[in-house]
PDB file of N, CA and C in Angstrom:
ATOM      1  N   MET A   1      17.657 -21.401 -13.914  1.00  0.00           N
ATOM      2  CA  MET A   1      16.947 -20.716 -14.969  1.00  0.00           C
ATOM      3  C   MET A   1      17.441 -21.254 -16.304  1.00  0.00           C
ATOM      4  N   LYS A   2      16.554 -21.371 -17.243  1.00  0.00           N
ATOM      5  CA  LYS A   2      16.926 -21.888 -18.548  1.00  0.00           C
ATOM      6  C   LYS A   2      18.019 -21.023 -19.165  1.00  0.00           C
ATOM      7  N   ASN A   3      18.962 -21.645 -19.842  1.00  0.00           N
ATOM      8  CA  ASN A   3      20.068 -20.933 -20.458  1.00  0.00           C
ATOM      9  C   ASN A   3      19.724 -20.614 -21.905  1.00  0.00           C
ATOM     10  N   SER A   4      19.158 -19.431 -22.130  1.00  0.00           N
ATOM     11  CA  SER A   4      18.802 -19.013 -23.477  1.00  0.00           C
ATOM     12  C   SER A   4      18.790 -17.497 -23.520  1.00  0.00           C
ATOM     13  N   HIS A   5      18.632 -16.979 -24.714  1.00  0.00           N
ATOM     14  CA  HIS A   5      18.566 -15.528 -24.868  1.00  0.00           C
ATOM     15  C   HIS A   5      17.147 -15.020 -24.681  1.00  0.00           C
ATOM     16  N   SER A   6      16.202 -15.899 -24.379  1.00  0.00           N
ATOM     17  CA  SER A   6      14.804 -15.494 -24.301  1.00  0.00           C
ATOM     18  C   SER A   6      14.517 -14.558 -23.135  1.00  0.00           C
ATOM     19  N   ASN A   7      15.381 -14.501 -22.129  1.00  0.00           N
ATOM     20  CA  ASN A   7      15.104 -13.615 -20.996  1.00  0.00           C
ATOM     21  C   ASN A   7      15.616 -12.195 -21.231  1.00  0.00           C
ATOM     22  N   TYR A   8      16.397 -11.986 -22.286  1.00  0.00           N
ATOM     23  CA  TYR A   8      16.878 -10.646 -22.636  1.00  0.00           C
ATOM     24  C   TYR A   8      16.409 -10.343 -24.051  1.00  0.00           C
ATOM     25  N   TYR A   9      15.766  -9.208 -24.228  1.00  0.00           N
ATOM     26  CA  TYR A   9      15.277  -8.811 -25.545  1.00  0.00           C
ATOM     27  C   TYR A   9      16.311  -7.891 -26.174  1.00  0.00           C
ATOM     28  N   ASN A  10      17.044  -8.403 -27.120  1.00  0.00           N
ATOM     29  CA  ASN A  10      18.182  -7.709 -27.713  1.00  0.00           C
ATOM     30  C   ASN A  10      17.731  -6.665 -28.734  1.00  0.00           C
ATOM     31  N   THR A  11      17.009  -5.660 -28.271  1.00  0.00           N
ATOM     32  CA  THR A  11      16.487  -4.621 -29.157  1.00  0.00           C
ATOM     33  C   THR A  11      17.557  -3.617 -29.580  1.00  0.00           C
ATOM     34  N   ASN A  12      18.684  -3.617 -28.900  1.00  0.00           N
ATOM     35  CA  ASN A  12      19.755  -2.678 -29.239  1.00  0.00           C
ATOM     36  C   ASN A  12      20.890  -3.342 -30.016  1.00  0.00           C
ATOM     37  N   GLY A  13      20.699  -4.597 -30.445  1.00  0.00           N
ATOM     38  CA  GLY A  13      21.645  -5.261 -31.337  1.00  0.00           C
ATOM     39  C   GLY A  13      22.994  -5.597 -30.721  1.00  0.00           C
ATOM     40  N   LEU A  14      23.027  -5.935 -29.443  1.00  0.00           N
ATOM     41  CA  LEU A  14      24.297  -6.318 -28.816  1.00  0.00           C
ATOM     42  C   LEU A  14      24.806  -7.626 -29.412  1.00  0.00           C
ATOM     43  N   THR A  15      26.126  -7.776 -29.398  1.00  0.00           N
ATOM     44  CA  THR A  15      26.751  -9.006 -29.886  1.00  0.00           C
ATOM     45  C   THR A  15      27.885  -9.397 -28.946  1.00  0.00           C
ATOM     46  N   GLY A  16      28.373 -10.602 -29.122  1.00  0.00           N
ATOM     47  CA  GLY A  16      29.552 -11.066 -28.401  1.00  0.00           C
ATOM     48  C   GLY A  16      29.431 -10.961 -26.900  1.00  0.00           C
ATOM     49  N   GLY A  17      30.496 -10.447 -26.283  1.00  0.00           N
ATOM     50  CA  GLY A  17      30.582 -10.344 -24.835  1.00  0.00           C
ATOM     51  C   GLY A  17      29.524  -9.432 -24.240  1.00  0.00           C
ATOM     52  N   GLU A  18      29.180  -8.360 -24.966  1.00  0.00           N
ATOM     53  CA  GLU A  18      28.145  -7.446 -24.456  1.00  0.00           C
ATOM     54  C   GLU A  18      26.802  -8.163 -24.354  1.00  0.00           C
ATOM     55  N   LEU A  19      26.475  -8.961 -25.361  1.00  0.00           N
ATOM     56  CA  LEU A  19      25.224  -9.714 -25.334  1.00  0.00           C
ATOM     57  C   LEU A  19      25.252 -10.752 -24.220  1.00  0.00           C
ATOM     58  N   LYS A  20      26.371 -11.418 -24.086  1.00  0.00           N
ATOM     59  CA  LYS A  20      26.515 -12.433 -23.034  1.00  0.00           C
ATOM     60  C   LYS A  20      26.311 -11.805 -21.651  1.00  0.00           C
ATOM     61  N   ASN A  21      26.903 -10.633 -21.422  1.00  0.00           N
ATOM     62  CA  ASN A  21      26.754  -9.927 -20.142  1.00  0.00           C
ATOM     63  C   ASN A  21      25.313  -9.485 -19.911  1.00  0.00           C
ATOM     64  N   ALA A  22      24.665  -9.008 -20.960  1.00  0.00           N
ATOM     65  CA  ALA A  22      23.276  -8.561 -20.831  1.00  0.00           C
ATOM     66  C   ALA A  22      22.362  -9.736 -20.489  1.00  0.00           C
ATOM     67  N   VAL A  23      22.585 -10.872 -21.123  1.00  0.00           N
ATOM     68  CA  VAL A  23      21.788 -12.069 -20.842  1.00  0.00           C
ATOM     69  C   VAL A  23      22.029 -12.515 -19.402  1.00  0.00           C
ATOM     70  N   ARG A  24      23.278 -12.504 -18.967  1.00  0.00           N
ATOM     71  CA  ARG A  24      23.613 -12.893 -17.595  1.00  0.00           C
ATOM     72  C   ARG A  24      22.953 -11.945 -16.583  1.00  0.00           C
ATOM     73  N   ASN A  25      23.010 -10.646 -16.855  1.00  0.00           N
ATOM     74  CA  ASN A  25      22.380  -9.676 -15.954  1.00  0.00           C
ATOM     75  C   ASN A  25      20.867  -9.882 -15.874  1.00  0.00           C
ATOM     76  N   ALA A  26      20.235 -10.113 -17.022  1.00  0.00           N
ATOM     77  CA  ALA A  26      18.785 -10.334 -17.038  1.00  0.00           C
ATOM     78  C   ALA A  26      18.429 -11.598 -16.268  1.00  0.00           C
ATOM     79  N   THR A  27      19.219 -12.645 -16.450  1.00  0.00           N
ATOM     80  CA  THR A  27      18.989 -13.902 -15.733  1.00  0.00           C
ATOM     81  C   THR A  27      19.152 -13.694 -14.234  1.00  0.00           C
ATOM     82  N   ASN A  28      20.193 -12.978 -13.834  1.00  0.00           N
ATOM     83  CA  ASN A  28      20.426 -12.700 -12.410  1.00  0.00           C
ATOM     84  C   ASN A  28      19.293 -11.874 -11.810  1.00  0.00           C
ATOM     85  N   GLN A  29      18.781 -10.911 -12.556  1.00  0.00           N
ATOM     86  CA  GLN A  29      17.663 -10.103 -12.072  1.00  0.00           C
ATOM     87  C   GLN A  29      16.439 -10.976 -11.833  1.00  0.00           C
ATOM     88  N   GLU A  30      16.134 -11.842 -12.788  1.00  0.00           N
ATOM     89  CA  GLU A  30      14.973 -12.716 -12.653  1.00  0.00           C
ATOM     90  C   GLU A  30      15.131 -13.671 -11.469  1.00  0.00           C
ATOM     91  N   THR A  31      16.317 -14.211 -11.305  1.00  0.00           N
ATOM     92  CA  THR A  31      16.577 -15.122 -10.184  1.00  0.00           C
ATOM     93  C   THR A  31      16.401 -14.392  -8.861  1.00  0.00           C
ATOM     94  N   LYS A  32      16.946 -13.191  -8.762  1.00  0.00           N
ATOM     95  CA  LYS A  32      16.840 -12.402  -7.535  1.00  0.00           C
ATOM     96  C   LYS A  32      15.386 -12.071  -7.218  1.00  0.00           C
ATOM     97  N   ILE A  33      14.630 -11.707  -8.233  1.00  0.00           N
ATOM     98  CA  ILE A  33      13.225 -11.351  -8.037  1.00  0.00           C
ATOM     99  C   ILE A  33      12.410 -12.581  -7.638  1.00  0.00           C
ATOM    100  N   LEU A  34      12.643 -13.703  -8.297  1.00  0.00           N
ATOM    101  CA  LEU A  34      11.906 -14.918  -7.949  1.00  0.00           C
ATOM    102  C   LEU A  34      12.224 -15.356  -6.525  1.00  0.00           C
ATOM    103  N   ARG A  35      13.479 -15.303  -6.140  1.00  0.00           N
ATOM    104  CA  ARG A  35      13.841 -15.654  -4.758  1.00  0.00           C
ATOM    105  C   ARG A  35      13.137 -14.734  -3.764  1.00  0.00           C
ATOM    106  N   PHE A  36      13.036 -13.459  -4.108  1.00  0.00           N
ATOM    107  CA  PHE A  36      12.333 -12.532  -3.239  1.00  0.00           C
ATOM    108  C   PHE A  36      10.897 -12.991  -3.030  1.00  0.00           C
ATOM    109  N   PHE A  37      10.212 -13.337  -4.123  1.00  0.00           N
ATOM    110  CA  PHE A  37       8.823 -13.787  -4.019  1.00  0.00           C
ATOM    111  C   PHE A  37       8.707 -15.064  -3.189  1.00  0.00           C
ATOM    112  N   VAL A  38       9.648 -15.974  -3.353  1.00  0.00           N
ATOM    113  CA  VAL A  38       9.611 -17.237  -2.605  1.00  0.00           C
ATOM    114  C   VAL A  38       9.721 -16.977  -1.107  1.00  0.00           C
ATOM    115  N   TYR A  39      10.584 -16.062  -0.720  1.00  0.00           N
ATOM    116  CA  TYR A  39      10.822 -15.806   0.708  1.00  0.00           C
ATOM    117  C   TYR A  39       9.950 -14.692   1.295  1.00  0.00           C
ATOM    118  N   ASN A  40       9.193 -14.020   0.448  1.00  0.00           N
ATOM    119  CA  ASN A  40       8.341 -12.914   0.903  1.00  0.00           C
ATOM    120  C   ASN A  40       6.973 -13.021   0.249  1.00  0.00           C
ATOM    121  N   PRO A  41       6.131 -13.918   0.753  1.00  0.00           N
ATOM    122  CA  PRO A  41       4.803 -14.053   0.158  1.00  0.00           C
ATOM    123  C   PRO A  41       4.052 -12.725   0.224  1.00  0.00           C
ATOM    124  N   GLY A  42       3.302 -12.445  -0.790  1.00  0.00           N
ATOM    125  CA  GLY A  42       2.514 -11.219  -0.799  1.00  0.00           C
ATOM    126  C   GLY A  42       2.347 -10.691  -2.196  1.00  0.00           C
ATOM    127  N   LEU A  43       1.819  -9.502  -2.273  1.00  0.00           N
ATOM    128  CA  LEU A  43       1.564  -8.811  -3.530  1.00  0.00           C
ATOM    129  C   LEU A  43       2.520  -7.638  -3.650  1.00  0.00           C
ATOM    130  N   PHE A  44       3.248  -7.570  -4.756  1.00  0.00           N
ATOM    131  CA  PHE A  44       4.255  -6.525  -4.930  1.00  0.00           C
ATOM    132  C   PHE A  44       4.206  -5.959  -6.344  1.00  0.00           C
ATOM    133  N   THR A  45       4.351  -4.651  -6.451  1.00  0.00           N
ATOM    134  CA  THR A  45       4.414  -3.981  -7.753  1.00  0.00           C
ATOM    135  C   THR A  45       5.858  -3.974  -8.248  1.00  0.00           C
ATOM    136  N   SER A  46       6.029  -3.589  -9.488  1.00  0.00           N
ATOM    137  CA  SER A  46       7.378  -3.476 -10.055  1.00  0.00           C
ATOM    138  C   SER A  46       8.219  -2.474  -9.263  1.00  0.00           C
ATOM    139  N   GLU A  47       7.611  -1.393  -8.831  1.00  0.00           N
ATOM    140  CA  GLU A  47       8.338  -0.380  -8.064  1.00  0.00           C
ATOM    141  C   GLU A  47       8.756  -0.907  -6.692  1.00  0.00           C
ATOM    142  N   GLU A  48       7.860  -1.658  -6.050  1.00  0.00           N
ATOM    143  CA  GLU A  48       8.201  -2.245  -4.756  1.00  0.00           C
ATOM    144  C   GLU A  48       9.323  -3.267  -4.908  1.00  0.00           C
ATOM    145  N   ILE A  49       9.267  -4.050  -5.960  1.00  0.00           N
ATOM    146  CA  ILE A  49      10.314  -5.042  -6.224  1.00  0.00           C
ATOM    147  C   ILE A  49      11.649  -4.349  -6.439  1.00  0.00           C
ATOM    148  N   GLN A  50      11.656  -3.282  -7.204  1.00  0.00           N
ATOM    149  CA  GLN A  50      12.898  -2.552  -7.455  1.00  0.00           C
ATOM    150  C   GLN A  50      13.539  -2.117  -6.142  1.00  0.00           C
ATOM    151  N   PHE A  51      12.739  -1.623  -5.220  1.00  0.00           N
ATOM    152  CA  PHE A  51      13.239  -1.161  -3.932  1.00  0.00           C
ATOM    153  C   PHE A  51      13.612  -2.328  -3.018  1.00  0.00           C
ATOM    154  N   LYS A  52      12.705  -3.277  -2.847  1.00  0.00           N
ATOM    155  CA  LYS A  52      12.898  -4.365  -1.891  1.00  0.00           C
ATOM    156  C   LYS A  52      13.996  -5.343  -2.310  1.00  0.00           C
ATOM    157  N   CYS A  53      14.277  -5.437  -3.601  1.00  0.00           N
ATOM    158  CA  CYS A  53      15.335  -6.337  -4.085  1.00  0.00           C
ATOM    159  C   CYS A  53      16.660  -5.605  -4.274  1.00  0.00           C
ATOM    160  N   SER A  54      16.740  -4.370  -3.799  1.00  0.00           N
ATOM    161  CA  SER A  54      17.960  -3.559  -3.943  1.00  0.00           C
ATOM    162  C   SER A  54      18.405  -3.480  -5.400  1.00  0.00           C
ATOM    163  N   LEU A  55      17.451  -3.193  -6.269  1.00  0.00           N
ATOM    164  CA  LEU A  55      17.740  -3.057  -7.696  1.00  0.00           C
ATOM    165  C   LEU A  55      17.545  -1.607  -8.144  1.00  0.00           C
ATOM    166  N   MET A  56      17.880  -0.669  -7.282  1.00  0.00           N
ATOM    167  CA  MET A  56      17.648   0.745  -7.568  1.00  0.00           C
ATOM    168  C   MET A  56      18.465   1.239  -8.760  1.00  0.00           C
ATOM    169  N   GLN A  57      19.577   0.591  -9.059  1.00  0.00           N
ATOM    170  CA  GLN A  57      20.385   0.975 -10.214  1.00  0.00           C
ATOM    171  C   GLN A  57      19.906   0.290 -11.492  1.00  0.00           C
ATOM    172  N   THR A  58      18.930  -0.582 -11.347  1.00  0.00           N
ATOM    173  CA  THR A  58      18.366  -1.303 -12.480  1.00  0.00           C
ATOM    174  C   THR A  58      17.165  -0.521 -12.997  1.00  0.00           C
ATOM    175  N   PRO A  59      17.117  -0.256 -14.306  1.00  0.00           N
ATOM    176  CA  PRO A  59      15.964   0.483 -14.841  1.00  0.00           C
ATOM    177  C   PRO A  59      14.645  -0.237 -14.532  1.00  0.00           C
ATOM    178  N   LEU A  60      13.616   0.540 -14.247  1.00  0.00           N
ATOM    179  CA  LEU A  60      12.312  -0.034 -13.956  1.00  0.00           C
ATOM    180  C   LEU A  60      11.815  -0.882 -15.137  1.00  0.00           C
ATOM    181  N   THR A  61      12.187  -0.494 -16.339  1.00  0.00           N
ATOM    182  CA  THR A  61      11.793  -1.293 -17.507  1.00  0.00           C
ATOM    183  C   THR A  61      12.390  -2.694 -17.444  1.00  0.00           C
ATOM    184  N   SER A  62      13.581  -2.825 -16.890  1.00  0.00           N
ATOM    185  CA  SER A  62      14.201  -4.147 -16.736  1.00  0.00           C
ATOM    186  C   SER A  62      13.481  -4.965 -15.671  1.00  0.00           C
ATOM    187  N   ILE A  63      13.036  -4.310 -14.612  1.00  0.00           N
ATOM    188  CA  ILE A  63      12.264  -4.995 -13.571  1.00  0.00           C
ATOM    189  C   ILE A  63      10.961  -5.505 -14.185  1.00  0.00           C
ATOM    190  N   ARG A  64      10.328  -4.667 -14.965  1.00  0.00           N
ATOM    191  CA  ARG A  64       9.067  -5.067 -15.603  1.00  0.00           C
ATOM    192  C   ARG A  64       9.290  -6.195 -16.602  1.00  0.00           C
ATOM    193  N   ARG A  65      10.415  -6.162 -17.329  1.00  0.00           N
ATOM    194  CA  ARG A  65      10.741  -7.249 -18.252  1.00  0.00           C
ATOM    195  C   ARG A  65      10.898  -8.545 -17.485  1.00  0.00           C
ATOM    196  N   ALA A  66      11.597  -8.492 -16.360  1.00  0.00           N
ATOM    197  CA  ALA A  66      11.802  -9.684 -15.538  1.00  0.00           C
ATOM    198  C   ALA A  66      10.470 -10.212 -15.008  1.00  0.00           C
ATOM    199  N   LEU A  67       9.600  -9.320 -14.551  1.00  0.00           N
ATOM    200  CA  LEU A  67       8.298  -9.741 -14.045  1.00  0.00           C
ATOM    201  C   LEU A  67       7.459 -10.377 -15.152  1.00  0.00           C
ATOM    202  N   THR A  68       7.505  -9.800 -16.334  1.00  0.00           N
ATOM    203  CA  THR A  68       6.780 -10.378 -17.472  1.00  0.00           C
ATOM    204  C   THR A  68       7.320 -11.757 -17.810  1.00  0.00           C
ATOM    205  N   ASN A  69       8.638 -11.898 -17.854  1.00  0.00           N
ATOM    206  CA  ASN A  69       9.244 -13.206 -18.149  1.00  0.00           C
ATOM    207  C   ASN A  69       8.877 -14.239 -17.094  1.00  0.00           C
ATOM    208  N   LEU A  70       8.930 -13.849 -15.824  1.00  0.00           N
ATOM    209  CA  LEU A  70       8.574 -14.777 -14.745  1.00  0.00           C
ATOM    210  C   LEU A  70       7.090 -15.131 -14.796  1.00  0.00           C
ATOM    211  N   SER A  71       6.278 -14.179 -15.174  1.00  0.00           N
ATOM    212  CA  SER A  71       4.846 -14.437 -15.323  1.00  0.00           C
ATOM    213  C   SER A  71       4.588 -15.375 -16.506  1.00  0.00           C
ATOM    214  N   ASN A  72       5.213 -15.093 -17.627  1.00  0.00           N
ATOM    215  CA  ASN A  72       5.073 -15.956 -18.806  1.00  0.00           C
ATOM    216  C   ASN A  72       5.601 -17.358 -18.547  1.00  0.00           C
ATOM    217  N   GLY A  73       6.586 -17.472 -17.672  1.00  0.00           N
ATOM    218  CA  GLY A  73       7.165 -18.767 -17.324  1.00  0.00           C
ATOM    219  C   GLY A  73       6.357 -19.542 -16.299  1.00  0.00           C
ATOM    220  N   GLY A  74       5.325 -18.923 -15.755  1.00  0.00           N
ATOM    221  CA  GLY A  74       4.463 -19.609 -14.800  1.00  0.00           C
ATOM    222  C   GLY A  74       4.959 -19.595 -13.368  1.00  0.00           C
ATOM    223  N   PHE A  75       5.851 -18.682 -13.026  1.00  0.00           N
ATOM    224  CA  PHE A  75       6.401 -18.603 -11.668  1.00  0.00           C
ATOM    225  C   PHE A  75       5.642 -17.620 -10.792  1.00  0.00           C
ATOM    226  N   ILE A  76       5.245 -16.499 -11.388  1.00  0.00           N
ATOM    227  CA  ILE A  76       4.471 -15.492 -10.687  1.00  0.00           C
ATOM    228  C   ILE A  76       3.277 -15.155 -11.575  1.00  0.00           C
ATOM    229  N   ARG A  77       2.345 -14.414 -10.993  1.00  0.00           N
ATOM    230  CA  ARG A  77       1.215 -13.988 -11.814  1.00  0.00           C
ATOM    231  C   ARG A  77       0.913 -12.525 -11.549  1.00  0.00           C
ATOM    232  N   LYS A  78       0.488 -11.857 -12.602  1.00  0.00           N
ATOM    233  CA  LYS A  78       0.020 -10.485 -12.504  1.00  0.00           C
ATOM    234  C   LYS A  78      -1.405 -10.549 -11.980  1.00  0.00           C
ATOM    235  N   THR A  79      -1.678  -9.830 -10.910  1.00  0.00           N
ATOM    236  CA  THR A  79      -2.998  -9.886 -10.289  1.00  0.00           C
ATOM    237  C   THR A  79      -3.847  -8.696 -10.720  1.00  0.00           C
ATOM    238  N   ASP A  80      -5.100  -8.740 -10.337  1.00  0.00           N
ATOM    239  CA  ASP A  80      -5.992  -7.612 -10.576  1.00  0.00           C
ATOM    240  C   ASP A  80      -5.855  -6.554  -9.491  1.00  0.00           C
ATOM    241  N   VAL A  81      -5.043  -6.829  -8.480  1.00  0.00           N
ATOM    242  CA  VAL A  81      -4.819  -5.875  -7.393  1.00  0.00           C
ATOM    243  C   VAL A  81      -3.972  -4.718  -7.925  1.00  0.00           C
ATOM    244  N   MET A  82      -4.423  -3.521  -7.655  1.00  0.00           N
ATOM    245  CA  MET A  82      -3.708  -2.326  -8.098  1.00  0.00           C
ATOM    246  C   MET A  82      -3.258  -1.541  -6.865  1.00  0.00           C
ATOM    247  N   LYS A  83      -2.035  -1.045  -6.920  1.00  0.00           N
ATOM    248  CA  LYS A  83      -1.501  -0.196  -5.855  1.00  0.00           C
ATOM    249  C   LYS A  83      -1.077   1.130  -6.481  1.00  0.00           C
ATOM    250  N   LYS A  84      -1.088   2.155  -5.669  1.00  0.00           N
ATOM    251  CA  LYS A  84      -0.684   3.475  -6.144  1.00  0.00           C
ATOM    252  C   LYS A  84       0.821   3.484  -6.404  1.00  0.00           C
ATOM    253  N   GLY A  85       1.209   3.847  -7.621  1.00  0.00           N
ATOM    254  CA  GLY A  85       2.617   3.914  -7.988  1.00  0.00           C
ATOM    255  C   GLY A  85       3.231   5.252  -7.650  1.00  0.00           C
ATOM    256  N   MET A  86       4.507   5.400  -7.925  1.00  0.00           N
ATOM    257  CA  MET A  86       5.225   6.614  -7.552  1.00  0.00           C
ATOM    258  C   MET A  86       4.734   7.867  -8.277  1.00  0.00           C
ATOM    259  N   TYR A  87       4.020   7.695  -9.388  1.00  0.00           N
ATOM    260  CA  TYR A  87       3.488   8.855 -10.103  1.00  0.00           C
ATOM    261  C   TYR A  87       1.998   9.048  -9.825  1.00  0.00           C
ATOM    262  N   GLY A  88       1.498   8.351  -8.781  1.00  0.00           N
ATOM    263  CA  GLY A  88       0.126   8.524  -8.368  1.00  0.00           C
ATOM    264  C   GLY A  88      -0.882   7.692  -9.138  1.00  0.00           C
ATOM    265  N   LYS A  89      -0.439   6.941 -10.114  1.00  0.00           N
ATOM    266  CA  LYS A  89      -1.325   6.106 -10.915  1.00  0.00           C
ATOM    267  C   LYS A  89      -1.315   4.679 -10.380  1.00  0.00           C
ATOM    268  N   PRO A  90      -2.438   3.970 -10.509  1.00  0.00           N
ATOM    269  CA  PRO A  90      -2.482   2.578 -10.044  1.00  0.00           C
ATOM    270  C   PRO A  90      -1.668   1.666 -10.969  1.00  0.00           C
ATOM    271  N   ILE A  91      -0.924   0.751 -10.353  1.00  0.00           N
ATOM    272  CA  ILE A  91      -0.155  -0.242 -11.121  1.00  0.00           C
ATOM    273  C   ILE A  91      -0.436  -1.626 -10.540  1.00  0.00           C
ATOM    274  N   HIS A  92      -0.316  -2.624 -11.388  1.00  0.00           N
ATOM    275  CA  HIS A  92      -0.617  -4.002 -10.986  1.00  0.00           C
ATOM    276  C   HIS A  92       0.413  -4.553 -10.015  1.00  0.00           C
ATOM    277  N   ALA A  93      -0.077  -5.428  -9.148  1.00  0.00           N
ATOM    278  CA  ALA A  93       0.789  -6.163  -8.228  1.00  0.00           C
ATOM    279  C   ALA A  93       0.909  -7.604  -8.720  1.00  0.00           C
ATOM    280  N   TYR A  94       2.019  -8.238  -8.399  1.00  0.00           N
ATOM    281  CA  TYR A  94       2.312  -9.620  -8.776  1.00  0.00           C
ATOM    282  C   TYR A  94       2.421 -10.470  -7.525  1.00  0.00           C
ATOM    283  N   GLN A  95       2.217 -11.780  -7.694  1.00  0.00           N
ATOM    284  CA  GLN A  95       2.401 -12.695  -6.577  1.00  0.00           C
ATOM    285  C   GLN A  95       2.931 -14.029  -7.100  1.00  0.00           C
ATOM    286  N   LEU A  96       3.545 -14.773  -6.180  1.00  0.00           N
ATOM    287  CA  LEU A  96       4.100 -16.088  -6.496  1.00  0.00           C
ATOM    288  C   LEU A  96       2.976 -17.064  -6.796  1.00  0.00           C
ATOM    289  N   ILE A  97       3.194 -17.916  -7.795  1.00  0.00           N
ATOM    290  CA  ILE A  97       2.276 -19.012  -8.102  1.00  0.00           C
ATOM    291  C   ILE A  97       2.711 -20.203  -7.258  1.00  0.00           C
ATOM    292  N   ALA A  98       1.791 -21.057  -6.913  1.00  0.00           N
ATOM    293  CA  ALA A  98       2.089 -22.226  -6.077  1.00  0.00           C
ATOM    294  C   ALA A  98       3.307 -22.978  -6.574  1.00  0.00           C
ATOM    295  N   GLU A  99       4.100 -23.452  -5.629  1.00  0.00           N
ATOM    296  CA  GLU A  99       5.331 -24.185  -5.908  1.00  0.00           C
ATOM    297  C   GLU A  99       5.056 -25.374  -6.816  1.00  0.00           C
ATOM    298  N   GLY A 100       6.027 -25.697  -7.687  1.00  0.00           N
ATOM    299  CA  GLY A 100       5.912 -26.859  -8.548  1.00  0.00           C
ATOM    300  C   GLY A 100       5.471 -26.530  -9.952  1.00  0.00           C
ATOM    301  N   GLN A 101       5.102 -25.274 -10.210  1.00  0.00           N
ATOM    302  CA  GLN A 101       4.702 -24.883 -11.550  1.00  0.00           C
ATOM    303  C   GLN A 101       5.869 -24.150 -12.198  1.00  0.00           C
ATOM    304  N   GLY A 102       6.043 -24.361 -13.471  1.00  0.00           N
ATOM    305  CA  GLY A 102       7.128 -23.715 -14.204  1.00  0.00           C
ATOM    306  C   GLY A 102       8.436 -24.468 -14.040  1.00  0.00           C
ATOM    307  N   GLU A 103       9.467 -24.023 -14.749  1.00  0.00           N
ATOM    308  CA  GLU A 103      10.780 -24.677 -14.704  1.00  0.00           C
ATOM    309  C   GLU A 103      11.856 -23.611 -14.659  1.00  0.00           C
ATOM    310  N   MET A 104      12.210 -23.179 -13.444  1.00  0.00           N
ATOM    311  CA  MET A 104      13.166 -22.077 -13.273  1.00  0.00           C
ATOM    312  C   MET A 104      14.596 -22.547 -13.202  1.00  0.00           C
ATOM    313  N   PHE A 105      14.879 -23.568 -12.397  1.00  0.00           N
ATOM    314  CA  PHE A 105      16.267 -23.952 -12.161  1.00  0.00           C
ATOM    315  C   PHE A 105      16.566 -25.320 -12.733  1.00  0.00           C
TER     316      PHE A 105
END
């Protein structure tokens, strides 16, 4: 994954070691999620990813940030497929884009 602060949105003004740790955590989350998609073809929502990637201690907003970053990077895509979320509302599912697109590693 590219080494930059672009995968973590520093809206809380972290600096120094705290910022470095936050960037590392965000990068690790994205890597874990992308690997999941590579080894598990299909359509998955942010909530399913949180559960299936054992990221239950990770805020759902962080999962969604990772999915957005991976989508913007050309690794996965947000589909028009909607699944029922935990609050009964439909939410979008994501899927892996064909291998060779984007620059993750």
